[in-house]
Each structure stands twice: as C-alpha cells, then as structure tokens.
Amino acid sequence: MNQYLFIPSPLGAILLRAEDDALTGLYFDGQKYFPRGAVDTAGGKPPRVLEETAQQIAEYFAGERQDFTVRLRMAGSTFQQQVWNALIQIPFGEIESYGRLAQRLGLPVGSARAVGAANGRNPVAIIVPCHRVIGVAGDLTGYAGGVERKAALLTLERPARSFPRQLDLLDTIQ
C-alpha cells in the first residue's frame, strides 16, 4: 500500500510516495505525471523512509547534502530503468546532455529523444537527478517539474562546478 507525505521546499510543496520500506516517488506539486488523487496518508507518524527522505531533501536544499541514501523502488520499463540508473551516476554539480547520455548507454545515434522521454518519466525527482540533463547546446529543455525548477536546482548545485557558458542564463531565469 502506498503512503504519501507532503513536505515543504523552497521550490514548492513536494509529494513523497513510499511502499513498504522504499521510496517510490518524489514529485513537485503540480508537475507532469503527478499522482492523481494523492493525499497525505502519513498521519501523525510517517513511515521511516518518508521521514528519512524529508530530512535528506531538507539537507539538500540547505546545501548540506549532495548524495542520498534512501532506498528506492522505481517502476518502469527496462529501458527507463537503464536511463534512471545512468542518471544516478551523474555527480552533484555536473551536467550531461541527452545525446551524451545516450552515447554513454551505448545507444545508437539519434537516441537522445528516447533518453529524454525516459528521463521525463523519472518518478523520483532530485534524488534521481534528471534535472542534470540538458540540451546539447546548454538549453534547459524539458523538466516535468517545470524549467524554472530545473534552473533553480542547477543553480543550487552550481557552486560545486563551473558549467559551460551557455548555462550562465540560469542566473537571469530566477
């Protein structure tokens, strides 16, 4: 049975979803693919995985955390799982283009769109860092939570590395 917990963030409310002892979803309120009919079911004391996730997300936004340790269980196709596993390998403060990610996965030329589609269906935003994937020219293309949130997440992580010049636009988006 799914358990839900809404938590605050600087970028708006976040819905956490867990089943048993694993996190199965992290969604910004109103984002594309937000679970329909989701209500806070945690009541007085949320399950441990939801408490841990809420704490780690708060630490991330406070600039105190770069890696997450909560157990994940993500439902998706084999291809989506392959892409999501590659996303987890993108270090904090770094970015990857859709095309380069497709190459790294050994996919044929022209697979960037398929990678983008799988990236967009990522059910665990932030922790599985789909926001770190950008267009080949540095464009902040697509993000289920909204391009403004993608820019804000990249800006939060920016002190860890300097990004290509194209991403200097991030400073003007906020």
N, C-alpha and C. Protein backbone atom coordinates (compact mmCIF):
# COMPACT_ATOMS: atom_id res chain seq x y z
N MET A 1 0.84 -1.18 0.00
CA MET A 1 0.00 0.00 0.00
C MET A 1 0.89 1.25 0.00
N ASN A 2 0.57 2.18 -0.87
CA ASN A 2 1.34 3.43 -0.95
C ASN A 2 1.03 4.33 0.24
N GLN A 3 2.06 4.98 0.72
CA GLN A 3 1.94 6.00 1.76
C GLN A 3 2.42 7.31 1.14
N TYR A 4 1.78 8.42 1.49
CA TYR A 4 2.12 9.72 0.93
C TYR A 4 2.40 10.72 2.03
N LEU A 5 3.33 11.64 1.75
CA LEU A 5 3.64 12.71 2.68
C LEU A 5 4.00 13.95 1.87
N PHE A 6 3.35 15.06 2.15
CA PHE A 6 3.72 16.34 1.55
C PHE A 6 4.73 17.02 2.44
N ILE A 7 5.79 17.57 1.82
CA ILE A 7 6.80 18.31 2.57
C ILE A 7 7.02 19.66 1.87
N PRO A 8 7.44 20.67 2.63
CA PRO A 8 7.73 21.96 2.00
C PRO A 8 9.13 21.96 1.39
N SER A 9 9.32 22.84 0.41
CA SER A 9 10.65 23.06 -0.16
C SER A 9 10.68 24.49 -0.67
N PRO A 10 11.87 25.03 -0.91
CA PRO A 10 11.97 26.38 -1.48
C PRO A 10 11.34 26.49 -2.87
N LEU A 11 11.09 25.36 -3.52
CA LEU A 11 10.53 25.36 -4.87
C LEU A 11 9.07 24.90 -4.89
N GLY A 12 8.44 24.90 -3.75
CA GLY A 12 7.05 24.48 -3.64
C GLY A 12 6.92 23.14 -2.95
N ALA A 13 5.69 22.77 -2.68
CA ALA A 13 5.43 21.52 -1.97
C ALA A 13 5.92 20.33 -2.80
N ILE A 14 6.39 19.32 -2.08
CA ILE A 14 6.86 18.08 -2.68
C ILE A 14 6.04 16.94 -2.09
N LEU A 15 5.60 16.04 -2.95
CA LEU A 15 4.91 14.84 -2.51
C LEU A 15 5.88 13.67 -2.52
N LEU A 16 5.99 13.00 -1.38
CA LEU A 16 6.79 11.79 -1.28
C LEU A 16 5.84 10.60 -1.27
N ARG A 17 6.22 9.56 -1.99
CA ARG A 17 5.41 8.34 -2.01
C ARG A 17 6.31 7.16 -1.66
N ALA A 18 5.83 6.30 -0.78
CA ALA A 18 6.60 5.13 -0.38
C ALA A 18 5.70 3.91 -0.36
N GLU A 19 6.34 2.78 -0.56
CA GLU A 19 5.67 1.50 -0.40
C GLU A 19 6.60 0.62 0.40
N ASP A 20 6.08 0.05 1.45
CA ASP A 20 6.87 -0.73 2.39
C ASP A 20 8.02 0.14 2.90
N ASP A 21 9.25 -0.27 2.68
CA ASP A 21 10.40 0.47 3.20
C ASP A 21 11.21 1.15 2.10
N ALA A 22 10.56 1.47 0.97
CA ALA A 22 11.28 2.10 -0.15
C ALA A 22 10.52 3.31 -0.66
N LEU A 23 11.28 4.31 -1.09
CA LEU A 23 10.71 5.49 -1.72
C LEU A 23 10.38 5.13 -3.16
N THR A 24 9.14 5.41 -3.58
CA THR A 24 8.72 5.09 -4.94
C THR A 24 8.40 6.34 -5.75
N GLY A 25 8.36 7.50 -5.11
CA GLY A 25 8.07 8.71 -5.85
C GLY A 25 8.43 9.96 -5.08
N LEU A 26 8.87 10.99 -5.82
CA LEU A 26 9.14 12.32 -5.28
C LEU A 26 8.73 13.29 -6.38
N TYR A 27 7.66 14.03 -6.14
CA TYR A 27 7.07 14.89 -7.16
C TYR A 27 6.86 16.30 -6.62
N PHE A 28 7.17 17.30 -7.45
CA PHE A 28 6.78 18.66 -7.12
C PHE A 28 5.28 18.79 -7.34
N ASP A 29 4.63 19.52 -6.45
CA ASP A 29 3.20 19.74 -6.58
C ASP A 29 2.90 20.35 -7.95
N GLY A 30 1.99 19.74 -8.67
CA GLY A 30 1.58 20.24 -9.97
C GLY A 30 2.43 19.81 -11.14
N GLN A 31 3.47 19.03 -10.91
CA GLN A 31 4.32 18.64 -12.02
C GLN A 31 3.63 17.62 -12.91
N LYS A 32 4.15 17.49 -14.10
CA LYS A 32 3.65 16.49 -15.05
C LYS A 32 3.82 15.11 -14.39
N TYR A 33 2.86 14.25 -14.58
CA TYR A 33 2.83 12.89 -14.04
C TYR A 33 2.64 12.84 -12.53
N PHE A 34 2.17 13.95 -11.94
CA PHE A 34 1.86 13.96 -10.50
C PHE A 34 0.77 12.92 -10.24
N PRO A 35 0.93 12.08 -9.22
CA PRO A 35 -0.07 11.05 -8.96
C PRO A 35 -1.45 11.64 -8.67
N ARG A 36 -2.43 11.22 -9.43
CA ARG A 36 -3.80 11.72 -9.24
C ARG A 36 -4.38 11.22 -7.93
N GLY A 37 -5.08 12.10 -7.26
CA GLY A 37 -5.77 11.72 -6.04
C GLY A 37 -4.87 11.48 -4.84
N ALA A 38 -3.61 11.85 -4.94
CA ALA A 38 -2.69 11.62 -3.84
C ALA A 38 -3.03 12.56 -2.68
N VAL A 39 -3.15 12.00 -1.51
CA VAL A 39 -3.37 12.78 -0.30
C VAL A 39 -2.38 12.32 0.76
N ASP A 40 -2.08 13.20 1.68
CA ASP A 40 -1.14 12.89 2.75
C ASP A 40 -1.75 11.79 3.62
N THR A 41 -1.17 10.60 3.58
CA THR A 41 -1.70 9.47 4.34
C THR A 41 -0.82 9.12 5.52
N ALA A 42 0.25 9.88 5.72
CA ALA A 42 1.19 9.53 6.78
C ALA A 42 0.61 9.76 8.17
N GLY A 43 -0.39 10.63 8.28
CA GLY A 43 -0.98 10.87 9.59
C GLY A 43 0.03 11.46 10.56
N GLY A 44 -0.04 11.02 11.79
CA GLY A 44 0.82 11.57 12.84
C GLY A 44 2.28 11.19 12.70
N LYS A 45 2.57 9.95 12.35
CA LYS A 45 3.95 9.48 12.27
C LYS A 45 4.16 8.79 10.93
N PRO A 46 4.87 9.47 9.99
CA PRO A 46 5.10 8.85 8.69
C PRO A 46 6.06 7.67 8.80
N PRO A 47 6.01 6.76 7.82
CA PRO A 47 6.97 5.65 7.79
C PRO A 47 8.41 6.20 7.77
N ARG A 48 9.31 5.39 8.27
CA ARG A 48 10.71 5.79 8.39
C ARG A 48 11.30 6.29 7.08
N VAL A 49 11.02 5.62 5.96
CA VAL A 49 11.60 6.03 4.68
C VAL A 49 11.12 7.43 4.30
N LEU A 50 9.89 7.78 4.62
CA LEU A 50 9.40 9.13 4.32
C LEU A 50 10.06 10.16 5.23
N GLU A 51 10.25 9.83 6.49
CA GLU A 51 10.97 10.73 7.41
C GLU A 51 12.40 10.96 6.94
N GLU A 52 13.09 9.88 6.58
CA GLU A 52 14.48 9.98 6.10
C GLU A 52 14.56 10.82 4.83
N THR A 53 13.64 10.59 3.92
CA THR A 53 13.63 11.34 2.66
C THR A 53 13.39 12.82 2.94
N ALA A 54 12.41 13.14 3.78
CA ALA A 54 12.12 14.53 4.11
C ALA A 54 13.35 15.20 4.71
N GLN A 55 14.06 14.51 5.59
CA GLN A 55 15.27 15.06 6.22
C GLN A 55 16.36 15.28 5.18
N GLN A 56 16.57 14.31 4.31
CA GLN A 56 17.63 14.42 3.30
C GLN A 56 17.31 15.52 2.28
N ILE A 57 16.05 15.68 1.91
CA ILE A 57 15.67 16.74 0.97
C ILE A 57 15.89 18.11 1.63
N ALA A 58 15.54 18.24 2.90
CA ALA A 58 15.78 19.50 3.63
C ALA A 58 17.28 19.81 3.66
N GLU A 59 18.10 18.80 3.90
CA GLU A 59 19.56 19.00 3.92
C GLU A 59 20.07 19.39 2.53
N TYR A 60 19.53 18.80 1.49
CA TYR A 60 19.92 19.13 0.12
C TYR A 60 19.65 20.62 -0.14
N PHE A 61 18.44 21.07 0.15
CA PHE A 61 18.11 22.47 -0.11
C PHE A 61 18.89 23.43 0.79
N ALA A 62 19.34 22.95 1.94
CA ALA A 62 20.16 23.78 2.83
C ALA A 62 21.63 23.79 2.41
N GLY A 63 21.97 23.04 1.36
CA GLY A 63 23.35 22.98 0.90
C GLY A 63 24.22 22.05 1.72
N GLU A 64 23.60 21.16 2.49
CA GLU A 64 24.33 20.27 3.39
C GLU A 64 24.42 18.83 2.89
N ARG A 65 23.80 18.53 1.76
CA ARG A 65 23.79 17.15 1.25
C ARG A 65 23.93 17.15 -0.26
N GLN A 66 24.78 16.23 -0.74
CA GLN A 66 24.96 16.07 -2.18
C GLN A 66 24.57 14.68 -2.66
N ASP A 67 24.53 13.72 -1.75
CA ASP A 67 24.19 12.34 -2.09
C ASP A 67 23.05 11.87 -1.19
N PHE A 68 22.24 10.97 -1.71
CA PHE A 68 21.08 10.48 -0.97
C PHE A 68 21.26 9.01 -0.66
N THR A 69 20.70 8.58 0.47
CA THR A 69 20.89 7.20 0.90
C THR A 69 19.58 6.45 1.10
N VAL A 70 18.46 7.05 0.74
CA VAL A 70 17.18 6.35 0.92
C VAL A 70 17.05 5.23 -0.10
N ARG A 71 16.38 4.18 0.31
CA ARG A 71 16.16 3.03 -0.58
C ARG A 71 15.08 3.39 -1.59
N LEU A 72 15.36 3.10 -2.86
CA LEU A 72 14.43 3.42 -3.94
C LEU A 72 13.84 2.15 -4.55
N ARG A 73 12.59 2.28 -5.00
CA ARG A 73 11.95 1.24 -5.80
C ARG A 73 11.18 1.98 -6.89
N MET A 74 11.67 1.92 -8.10
CA MET A 74 11.09 2.69 -9.19
C MET A 74 10.53 1.76 -10.25
N ALA A 75 9.23 1.89 -10.50
CA ALA A 75 8.57 1.07 -11.51
C ALA A 75 8.72 1.72 -12.87
N GLY A 76 9.16 0.94 -13.84
CA GLY A 76 9.32 1.44 -15.20
C GLY A 76 9.81 0.33 -16.10
N SER A 77 9.85 0.62 -17.40
CA SER A 77 10.32 -0.36 -18.38
C SER A 77 11.82 -0.61 -18.18
N THR A 78 12.31 -1.64 -18.81
CA THR A 78 13.74 -1.95 -18.75
C THR A 78 14.56 -0.77 -19.26
N PHE A 79 14.11 -0.16 -20.36
CA PHE A 79 14.83 0.99 -20.91
C PHE A 79 14.81 2.16 -19.93
N GLN A 80 13.66 2.46 -19.34
CA GLN A 80 13.58 3.54 -18.36
C GLN A 80 14.51 3.27 -17.19
N GLN A 81 14.52 2.05 -16.70
CA GLN A 81 15.41 1.68 -15.59
C GLN A 81 16.87 1.92 -15.96
N GLN A 82 17.23 1.58 -17.20
CA GLN A 82 18.60 1.78 -17.69
C GLN A 82 18.95 3.27 -17.65
N VAL A 83 18.05 4.11 -18.14
CA VAL A 83 18.29 5.55 -18.15
C VAL A 83 18.37 6.08 -16.73
N TRP A 84 17.43 5.68 -15.87
CA TRP A 84 17.41 6.18 -14.49
C TRP A 84 18.68 5.78 -13.73
N ASN A 85 19.17 4.56 -13.99
CA ASN A 85 20.42 4.14 -13.35
C ASN A 85 21.58 5.01 -13.83
N ALA A 86 21.57 5.40 -15.10
CA ALA A 86 22.62 6.29 -15.61
C ALA A 86 22.51 7.68 -14.99
N LEU A 87 21.28 8.15 -14.74
CA LEU A 87 21.10 9.46 -14.11
C LEU A 87 21.76 9.50 -12.74
N ILE A 88 21.62 8.44 -11.99
CA ILE A 88 22.18 8.39 -10.63
C ILE A 88 23.70 8.52 -10.67
N GLN A 89 24.30 8.17 -11.81
CA GLN A 89 25.76 8.24 -11.94
C GLN A 89 26.28 9.65 -12.24
N ILE A 90 25.38 10.59 -12.55
CA ILE A 90 25.81 11.96 -12.82
C ILE A 90 26.08 12.65 -11.49
N PRO A 91 27.31 13.02 -11.21
CA PRO A 91 27.65 13.59 -9.91
C PRO A 91 27.00 14.96 -9.66
N PHE A 92 26.84 15.26 -8.41
CA PHE A 92 26.35 16.56 -7.96
C PHE A 92 27.20 17.65 -8.61
N GLY A 93 26.54 18.67 -9.14
CA GLY A 93 27.25 19.80 -9.71
C GLY A 93 27.71 19.60 -11.15
N GLU A 94 27.42 18.44 -11.73
CA GLU A 94 27.79 18.20 -13.12
C GLU A 94 26.53 18.06 -13.96
N ILE A 95 26.70 18.22 -15.26
CA ILE A 95 25.59 18.09 -16.18
C ILE A 95 25.96 17.13 -17.29
N GLU A 96 24.95 16.68 -18.01
CA GLU A 96 25.12 15.75 -19.12
C GLU A 96 24.08 16.13 -20.16
N SER A 97 24.42 15.99 -21.43
CA SER A 97 23.41 16.23 -22.47
C SER A 97 22.67 14.92 -22.72
N TYR A 98 21.47 15.03 -23.29
CA TYR A 98 20.69 13.84 -23.62
C TYR A 98 21.46 12.95 -24.58
N GLY A 99 22.08 13.57 -25.59
CA GLY A 99 22.85 12.80 -26.57
C GLY A 99 24.04 12.10 -25.96
N ARG A 100 24.76 12.80 -25.10
CA ARG A 100 25.94 12.20 -24.46
C ARG A 100 25.52 11.06 -23.53
N LEU A 101 24.38 11.23 -22.86
CA LEU A 101 23.87 10.16 -22.01
C LEU A 101 23.52 8.93 -22.85
N ALA A 102 22.90 9.16 -24.01
CA ALA A 102 22.57 8.06 -24.93
C ALA A 102 23.85 7.34 -25.38
N GLN A 103 24.89 8.11 -25.70
CA GLN A 103 26.18 7.52 -26.10
C GLN A 103 26.76 6.68 -24.97
N ARG A 104 26.71 7.24 -23.77
CA ARG A 104 27.26 6.53 -22.61
C ARG A 104 26.54 5.20 -22.37
N LEU A 105 25.26 5.17 -22.73
CA LEU A 105 24.46 3.95 -22.58
C LEU A 105 24.66 2.99 -23.75
N GLY A 106 25.47 3.39 -24.75
CA GLY A 106 25.73 2.54 -25.90
C GLY A 106 24.57 2.48 -26.87
N LEU A 107 23.74 3.51 -26.88
CA LEU A 107 22.58 3.54 -27.77
C LEU A 107 22.97 4.11 -29.12
N PRO A 108 22.20 3.78 -30.16
CA PRO A 108 22.52 4.29 -31.49
C PRO A 108 22.35 5.80 -31.58
N VAL A 109 23.04 6.40 -32.54
CA VAL A 109 22.91 7.84 -32.80
C VAL A 109 21.43 8.14 -33.03
N GLY A 110 20.97 9.25 -32.50
CA GLY A 110 19.57 9.62 -32.65
C GLY A 110 18.69 9.16 -31.50
N SER A 111 19.28 8.60 -30.47
CA SER A 111 18.51 8.09 -29.33
C SER A 111 18.26 9.13 -28.24
N ALA A 112 18.71 10.35 -28.48
CA ALA A 112 18.58 11.39 -27.45
C ALA A 112 17.12 11.62 -27.05
N ARG A 113 16.22 11.58 -28.03
CA ARG A 113 14.79 11.79 -27.71
C ARG A 113 14.24 10.68 -26.82
N ALA A 114 14.62 9.46 -27.10
CA ALA A 114 14.17 8.33 -26.27
C ALA A 114 14.70 8.46 -24.86
N VAL A 115 15.96 8.87 -24.74
CA VAL A 115 16.54 9.11 -23.42
C VAL A 115 15.78 10.23 -22.72
N GLY A 116 15.46 11.28 -23.46
CA GLY A 116 14.70 12.39 -22.90
C GLY A 116 13.33 11.97 -22.40
N ALA A 117 12.66 11.10 -23.17
CA ALA A 117 11.34 10.62 -22.76
C ALA A 117 11.44 9.80 -21.48
N ALA A 118 12.43 8.93 -21.38
CA ALA A 118 12.62 8.14 -20.16
C ALA A 118 12.99 9.04 -18.99
N ASN A 119 13.83 10.02 -19.27
CA ASN A 119 14.24 10.98 -18.25
C ASN A 119 13.01 11.70 -17.68
N GLY A 120 12.10 12.09 -18.57
CA GLY A 120 10.91 12.81 -18.16
C GLY A 120 9.95 11.98 -17.33
N ARG A 121 10.03 10.66 -17.42
CA ARG A 121 9.16 9.78 -16.64
C ARG A 121 9.78 9.36 -15.32
N ASN A 122 10.92 9.90 -14.98
CA ASN A 122 11.58 9.60 -13.72
C ASN A 122 10.63 9.90 -12.56
N PRO A 123 10.27 8.90 -11.74
CA PRO A 123 9.33 9.14 -10.66
C PRO A 123 9.96 9.69 -9.37
N VAL A 124 11.27 9.82 -9.34
CA VAL A 124 11.93 10.27 -8.11
C VAL A 124 12.84 11.46 -8.43
N ALA A 125 12.20 12.63 -8.60
CA ALA A 125 12.95 13.85 -8.92
C ALA A 125 13.97 14.14 -7.81
N ILE A 126 14.94 14.93 -8.13
CA ILE A 126 16.04 15.38 -7.26
C ILE A 126 16.96 14.23 -6.90
N ILE A 127 16.45 13.19 -6.25
CA ILE A 127 17.29 12.07 -5.82
C ILE A 127 17.86 11.33 -7.02
N VAL A 128 17.03 11.09 -8.01
CA VAL A 128 17.48 10.58 -9.31
C VAL A 128 17.53 11.84 -10.18
N PRO A 129 18.73 12.41 -10.36
CA PRO A 129 18.87 13.80 -10.81
C PRO A 129 18.62 14.05 -12.30
N CYS A 130 17.39 13.90 -12.71
CA CYS A 130 17.03 14.16 -14.11
C CYS A 130 17.23 15.63 -14.48
N HIS A 131 17.27 16.50 -13.48
CA HIS A 131 17.49 17.93 -13.74
C HIS A 131 18.90 18.20 -14.26
N ARG A 132 19.81 17.27 -14.10
CA ARG A 132 21.20 17.46 -14.54
C ARG A 132 21.39 17.15 -16.02
N VAL A 133 20.32 16.81 -16.72
CA VAL A 133 20.42 16.51 -18.14
C VAL A 133 19.85 17.70 -18.92
N ILE A 134 20.65 18.19 -19.86
CA ILE A 134 20.30 19.39 -20.62
C ILE A 134 20.44 19.14 -22.11
N GLY A 135 20.00 20.09 -22.91
CA GLY A 135 20.17 20.00 -24.35
C GLY A 135 21.63 20.15 -24.73
N VAL A 136 21.99 19.71 -25.91
CA VAL A 136 23.37 19.69 -26.36
C VAL A 136 24.00 21.09 -26.39
N ALA A 137 23.19 22.11 -26.61
CA ALA A 137 23.71 23.48 -26.66
C ALA A 137 23.60 24.19 -25.32
N GLY A 138 23.30 23.42 -24.27
CA GLY A 138 23.15 24.02 -22.95
C GLY A 138 21.74 24.47 -22.65
N ASP A 139 20.79 24.15 -23.52
CA ASP A 139 19.40 24.54 -23.32
C ASP A 139 18.80 23.76 -22.16
N LEU A 140 17.97 24.45 -21.38
CA LEU A 140 17.27 23.78 -20.28
C LEU A 140 15.96 23.21 -20.82
N THR A 141 16.08 22.20 -21.66
CA THR A 141 14.91 21.62 -22.28
C THR A 141 14.19 20.71 -21.31
N GLY A 142 12.88 20.77 -21.35
CA GLY A 142 12.01 19.86 -20.61
C GLY A 142 12.40 19.54 -19.19
N TYR A 143 11.45 19.56 -18.34
CA TYR A 143 11.58 19.09 -16.96
C TYR A 143 10.16 18.95 -16.45
N ALA A 144 9.80 17.77 -15.99
CA ALA A 144 8.42 17.52 -15.56
C ALA A 144 7.97 18.49 -14.47
N GLY A 145 8.92 18.96 -13.66
CA GLY A 145 8.59 19.90 -12.59
C GLY A 145 8.60 21.35 -13.04
N GLY A 146 8.94 21.61 -14.29
CA GLY A 146 9.00 22.96 -14.83
C GLY A 146 10.43 23.42 -15.00
N VAL A 147 10.68 24.13 -16.10
CA VAL A 147 12.03 24.59 -16.41
C VAL A 147 12.57 25.52 -15.33
N GLU A 148 11.70 26.31 -14.71
CA GLU A 148 12.15 27.22 -13.65
C GLU A 148 12.72 26.43 -12.48
N ARG A 149 12.08 25.33 -12.14
CA ARG A 149 12.60 24.49 -11.04
C ARG A 149 13.91 23.83 -11.45
N LYS A 150 14.01 23.39 -12.70
CA LYS A 150 15.25 22.78 -13.19
C LYS A 150 16.39 23.79 -13.06
N ALA A 151 16.14 25.02 -13.48
CA ALA A 151 17.16 26.07 -13.37
C ALA A 151 17.54 26.30 -11.92
N ALA A 152 16.56 26.32 -11.04
CA ALA A 152 16.85 26.55 -9.62
C ALA A 152 17.68 25.41 -9.03
N LEU A 153 17.36 24.17 -9.40
CA LEU A 153 18.14 23.03 -8.90
C LEU A 153 19.57 23.07 -9.40
N LEU A 154 19.75 23.40 -10.67
CA LEU A 154 21.11 23.51 -11.21
C LEU A 154 21.88 24.65 -10.55
N THR A 155 21.19 25.75 -10.29
CA THR A 155 21.82 26.88 -9.62
C THR A 155 22.23 26.51 -8.20
N LEU A 156 21.39 25.74 -7.51
CA LEU A 156 21.71 25.27 -6.16
C LEU A 156 23.00 24.45 -6.17
N GLU A 157 23.17 23.64 -7.20
CA GLU A 157 24.34 22.77 -7.29
C GLU A 157 25.53 23.44 -7.95
N ARG A 158 25.33 24.58 -8.55
CA ARG A 158 26.37 25.25 -9.33
C ARG A 158 27.67 25.52 -8.58
N PRO A 159 27.66 25.87 -7.31
CA PRO A 159 28.95 26.14 -6.65
C PRO A 159 29.92 24.96 -6.69
N ALA A 160 29.41 23.75 -6.89
CA ALA A 160 30.29 22.59 -6.91
C ALA A 160 31.17 22.54 -8.15
N ARG A 161 30.74 23.11 -9.25
CA ARG A 161 31.49 23.10 -10.51
C ARG A 161 31.12 24.33 -11.32
N SER A 162 31.98 24.69 -12.24
CA SER A 162 31.57 25.73 -13.17
C SER A 162 30.99 25.04 -14.40
N PHE A 163 29.87 25.54 -14.87
CA PHE A 163 29.18 24.96 -16.01
C PHE A 163 29.58 25.68 -17.28
N PRO A 164 29.26 25.11 -18.41
CA PRO A 164 29.54 25.78 -19.68
C PRO A 164 28.89 27.16 -19.72
N ARG A 165 29.45 28.02 -20.49
CA ARG A 165 28.99 29.40 -20.59
C ARG A 165 27.50 29.53 -20.91
N GLN A 166 26.94 28.62 -21.70
CA GLN A 166 25.52 28.70 -22.05
C GLN A 166 24.65 28.71 -20.80
N LEU A 167 25.08 28.07 -19.74
CA LEU A 167 24.26 27.99 -18.55
C LEU A 167 24.35 29.23 -17.68
N ASP A 168 25.12 30.22 -18.09
CA ASP A 168 25.12 31.50 -17.37
C ASP A 168 23.74 32.11 -17.39
N LEU A 169 22.89 31.68 -18.31
CA LEU A 169 21.50 32.14 -18.36
C LEU A 169 20.75 31.79 -17.10
N LEU A 170 21.18 30.78 -16.39
CA LEU A 170 20.49 30.38 -15.15
C LEU A 170 20.34 31.55 -14.19
N ASP A 171 21.34 32.37 -14.10
CA ASP A 171 21.30 33.48 -13.16
C ASP A 171 20.19 34.47 -13.50
N THR A 172 19.81 34.54 -14.76
CA THR A 172 18.79 35.50 -15.16
C THR A 172 17.39 34.92 -15.12
N ILE A 173 17.28 33.61 -15.02
CA ILE A 173 15.96 32.96 -15.02
C ILE A 173 15.26 33.14 -13.69
N GLN A 174 15.98 33.16 -12.62
CA GLN A 174 15.35 33.18 -11.29
C GLN A 174 14.66 34.46 -11.00
